[in-house]
Protein backbone atom coordinates (compact mmCIF):
# COMPACT_ATOMS: atom_id res chain seq x y z
CA MET A 1 0.45 -7.03 -23.69
CA SER A 2 1.76 -3.53 -23.94
CA ALA A 3 2.88 -1.24 -21.17
CA LYS A 4 -0.26 0.81 -21.86
CA VAL A 5 -2.48 -2.13 -20.89
CA THR A 6 -0.46 -2.70 -17.74
CA GLY A 7 -0.73 1.02 -17.01
CA LEU A 8 -4.50 0.84 -17.42
CA PHE A 9 -4.58 -2.09 -15.02
CA VAL A 10 -2.64 -0.08 -12.41
CA PHE A 11 -4.94 2.90 -12.96
CA ALA A 12 -8.03 0.71 -12.47
CA ALA A 13 -6.50 -0.84 -9.34
CA ALA A 14 -5.71 2.66 -8.03
CA LEU A 15 -9.31 3.76 -8.57
CA LEU A 16 -10.51 0.66 -6.76
CA CYS A 17 -8.16 1.51 -3.86
CA VAL A 18 -9.75 4.96 -3.55
CA VAL A 19 -13.30 3.62 -3.72
CA LEU A 20 -12.61 0.86 -1.17
CA ARG A 21 -11.06 3.36 1.22
CA LEU A 22 -14.26 5.43 1.16
CA LEU A 23 -16.65 2.51 1.70
CA PRO A 24 -17.56 1.17 5.12
CA MET A 25 -15.60 -2.05 5.64
CA PRO A 26 -16.21 -4.98 7.98
CA LEU A 27 -12.68 -4.53 9.36
CA GLU A 28 -11.19 -1.14 10.18
CA ASN A 29 -8.23 -0.29 7.91
CA LEU A 30 -9.09 -2.96 5.33
CA SER A 31 -7.39 -1.52 2.27
CA MET A 32 -5.91 -2.45 -1.08
CA LEU A 33 -3.14 0.17 -0.97
CA GLY A 34 -0.56 -2.25 0.42
CA ALA A 35 -1.29 -4.68 -2.39
CA LEU A 36 -1.00 -1.88 -4.94
CA ALA A 37 2.35 -0.81 -3.47
CA VAL A 38 3.72 -4.37 -3.64
CA PHE A 39 2.45 -4.77 -7.20
CA CYS A 40 3.86 -1.45 -8.38
CA GLY A 41 7.20 -2.20 -6.75
CA ALA A 42 7.35 -5.56 -8.50
CA ARG A 43 6.00 -4.62 -11.91
CA VAL A 44 5.93 -0.90 -12.68
CA ARG A 45 8.92 0.78 -14.31
CA PRO A 46 10.35 3.34 -14.26
CA VAL A 47 10.44 3.45 -10.47
CA TRP A 48 9.29 7.07 -10.32
CA LEU A 49 6.07 5.98 -12.02
CA ALA A 50 5.55 3.27 -9.40
CA VAL A 51 6.10 5.83 -6.63
CA LEU A 52 3.73 8.29 -8.30
CA ALA A 53 1.03 5.62 -8.70
CA VAL A 54 1.16 4.54 -5.05
CA LEU A 55 1.61 7.92 -3.34
CA GLY A 56 -0.78 9.60 -5.77
CA THR A 57 -3.44 7.00 -4.97
CA ARG A 58 -2.93 7.54 -1.25
CA LEU A 59 -3.08 11.33 -1.66
CA VAL A 60 -6.28 11.19 -3.73
CA SER A 61 -7.90 8.82 -1.23
CA ASP A 62 -6.77 11.03 1.70
CA ALA A 63 -8.26 14.09 -0.01
CA ALA A 64 -11.53 12.27 -0.76
CA LEU A 65 -11.70 10.99 2.81
CA HIS A 66 -11.01 14.48 4.14
CA TRP A 67 -13.71 15.95 1.92
CA ARG A 68 -16.17 13.26 3.05
CA THR A 69 -15.37 13.10 6.77
CA GLY A 70 -12.95 15.91 7.64
CA TYR A 71 -10.35 13.36 8.81
CA GLY A 72 -8.25 12.54 5.74
CA PHE A 73 -5.13 14.46 6.77
CA TYR A 74 -3.32 14.26 10.11
CA GLY A 75 0.06 15.00 11.65
CA SER A 76 1.71 11.60 11.29
CA MET A 77 0.55 10.87 7.75
CA ALA A 78 4.07 11.39 6.37
CA PHE A 79 4.96 8.15 8.15
CA ASP A 80 2.13 6.38 6.31
CA TYR A 81 3.46 7.64 2.99
CA ALA A 82 6.98 6.53 3.98
CA ALA A 83 5.57 3.13 4.90
CA TYR A 84 4.15 2.75 1.39
CA LEU A 85 7.57 3.59 -0.06
CA PHE A 86 9.09 0.80 2.02
CA VAL A 87 6.29 -1.57 0.91
CA LEU A 88 7.00 -0.60 -2.69
CA LEU A 89 10.68 -1.38 -2.09
CA ALA A 90 9.69 -4.75 -0.60
CA GLY A 91 7.66 -5.47 -3.75
CA TYR A 92 10.69 -4.58 -5.83
CA CYS A 93 12.95 -6.88 -3.79
CA LEU A 94 10.50 -9.80 -3.47
CA ARG A 95 8.96 -9.58 -6.98
CA PRO A 96 6.21 -12.09 -6.23
CA ARG A 97 5.61 -14.57 -9.07
CA THR A 98 3.82 -17.26 -7.05
CA THR A 99 0.92 -17.20 -4.65
CA SER A 100 3.16 -18.07 -1.71
CA ARG A 101 5.53 -15.20 -2.53
CA ALA A 102 2.58 -12.85 -2.95
CA LEU A 103 1.30 -13.95 0.48
CA ALA A 104 4.77 -13.34 1.94
CA ALA A 105 4.87 -9.91 0.31
CA GLY A 106 1.42 -9.16 1.75
CA LEU A 107 2.65 -10.11 5.21
CA VAL A 108 5.76 -7.96 4.82
CA SER A 109 3.55 -5.09 3.64
CA ALA A 110 1.26 -5.32 6.67
CA VAL A 111 4.14 -5.54 9.15
CA LEU A 112 6.02 -2.63 7.59
CA PHE A 113 2.93 -0.45 7.51
CA PHE A 114 2.02 -1.31 11.10
CA LEU A 115 5.48 -0.58 12.50
CA ILE A 116 6.11 2.62 10.53
CA SER A 117 2.64 4.16 10.84
CA ASN A 118 2.41 3.45 14.55
CA THR A 119 5.89 4.84 15.12
CA GLY A 120 4.55 8.00 13.47
CA ALA A 121 1.53 8.06 15.78
CA TRP A 122 3.90 7.70 18.73
CA CYS A 123 6.47 10.35 17.78
CA MET A 124 4.27 13.05 16.23
CA PRO A 125 2.05 15.33 18.30
CA LEU A 126 -1.66 15.56 17.57
CA ASN A 127 -3.11 19.03 18.10
CA GLY A 128 0.05 20.02 19.94
CA GLN A 129 0.09 17.05 22.32
CA TYR A 130 1.78 13.68 22.17
CA LEU A 131 -0.59 10.74 22.43
CA TYR A 132 2.05 8.60 24.15
CA PRO A 133 5.07 9.25 26.36
CA GLN A 134 8.24 9.63 24.29
CA THR A 135 9.80 6.54 25.85
CA ALA A 136 10.28 2.91 24.87
CA GLN A 137 7.29 2.09 27.09
CA GLY A 138 5.22 4.73 25.24
CA LEU A 139 6.17 3.22 21.88
CA LEU A 140 5.25 -0.24 23.11
CA GLN A 141 1.89 1.05 24.34
CA CYS A 142 1.29 2.70 20.97
CA LEU A 143 2.05 -0.55 19.16
CA VAL A 144 -0.25 -2.52 21.47
CA ASN A 145 -3.04 0.03 20.98
CA GLY A 146 -2.56 -0.23 17.21
CA LEU A 147 -3.08 -4.00 17.11
CA PRO A 148 -6.88 -3.86 16.62
CA PHE A 149 -6.35 -1.70 13.52
CA ALA A 150 -3.67 -4.04 12.23
CA ARG A 151 -6.23 -6.82 11.68
CA GLY A 152 -7.78 -4.98 8.73
CA THR A 153 -4.39 -4.09 7.25
CA LEU A 154 -3.19 -7.69 7.62
CA ALA A 155 -6.40 -9.14 6.15
CA GLY A 156 -6.35 -6.71 3.23
CA ASP A 157 -2.69 -7.26 2.44
CA LEU A 158 -2.83 -11.05 2.78
CA LEU A 159 -5.98 -11.39 0.68
CA LEU A 160 -5.61 -8.61 -1.84
CA THR A 161 -1.90 -8.87 -2.71
CA PRO A 162 -2.16 -12.41 -4.15
CA LEU A 163 -5.52 -11.51 -5.70
CA LEU A 164 -4.08 -8.45 -7.45
CA PHE A 165 -1.17 -10.47 -8.85
CA HIS A 166 -3.53 -13.28 -9.91
CA VAL A 167 -5.92 -10.92 -11.70
CA ALA A 168 -2.98 -9.17 -13.37
CA GLY A 169 -1.67 -12.55 -14.49
CA LEU A 170 -5.04 -13.42 -16.02
CA LEU A 171 -5.54 -10.06 -17.72
CA LEU A 172 -1.98 -9.54 -18.85
CA VAL A 173 -1.33 -13.19 -19.76
CA SER A 174 0.20 -12.57 -23.16
CA ARG A 175 2.57 -9.94 -21.76
CA PRO A 176 6.17 -11.15 -21.46
CA GLN A 177 7.35 -11.31 -17.82
CA SER A 178 10.01 -8.69 -18.42
CA ALA A 179 7.58 -6.13 -19.86
CA VAL A 180 6.83 -3.39 -17.39
CA VAL A 181 4.88 -0.17 -17.30
CA GLY A 182 6.87 2.63 -18.82
CA SER A 183 8.88 0.50 -21.24
CA GLU A 184 7.48 -0.12 -24.66
CA HIS A 185 10.06 -2.81 -25.48
CA ALA A 186 10.44 -5.94 -23.38
CA ALA A 187 13.88 -7.36 -22.88
CA SER A 188 14.19 -11.03 -23.74
């Protein structure tokens, strides 16, 4: 199918990401944003459009969360945005075409997000104070304290990354593999 249909699929997935982020979830941090970042890295071209889709989705969901709860924006959030750029890059490099590769990409996504976002929580002050000592031991403590939140990220990325690729494969079945968002002509 055309790049427009693929673009509509990404837009619908982005809306779902925002809605899911606002709903109460059985696991803290259960999200579809990692899956969207992997998918956009693998399938959306030009790259600036992939970046815009992922970071724009995160920004809209942060704004909606802030409006709803007052806690959508925080000091280390730049690290979260950077993490999604690295996840997008992982999607570009891995380009999952099978369920096992999509699972691997989901695992990579969760690990990257965990390490980068928790490094941000460790090195950025909150309300003028650091949450952890600025030492290797402080970083380790931050990572250990982040493990309970990682369960939701891991579950979301492992379940939703293959699911997103599978649904895209079903909906975009007649689209040539080389067709991507942003290009109206597929290379053969």
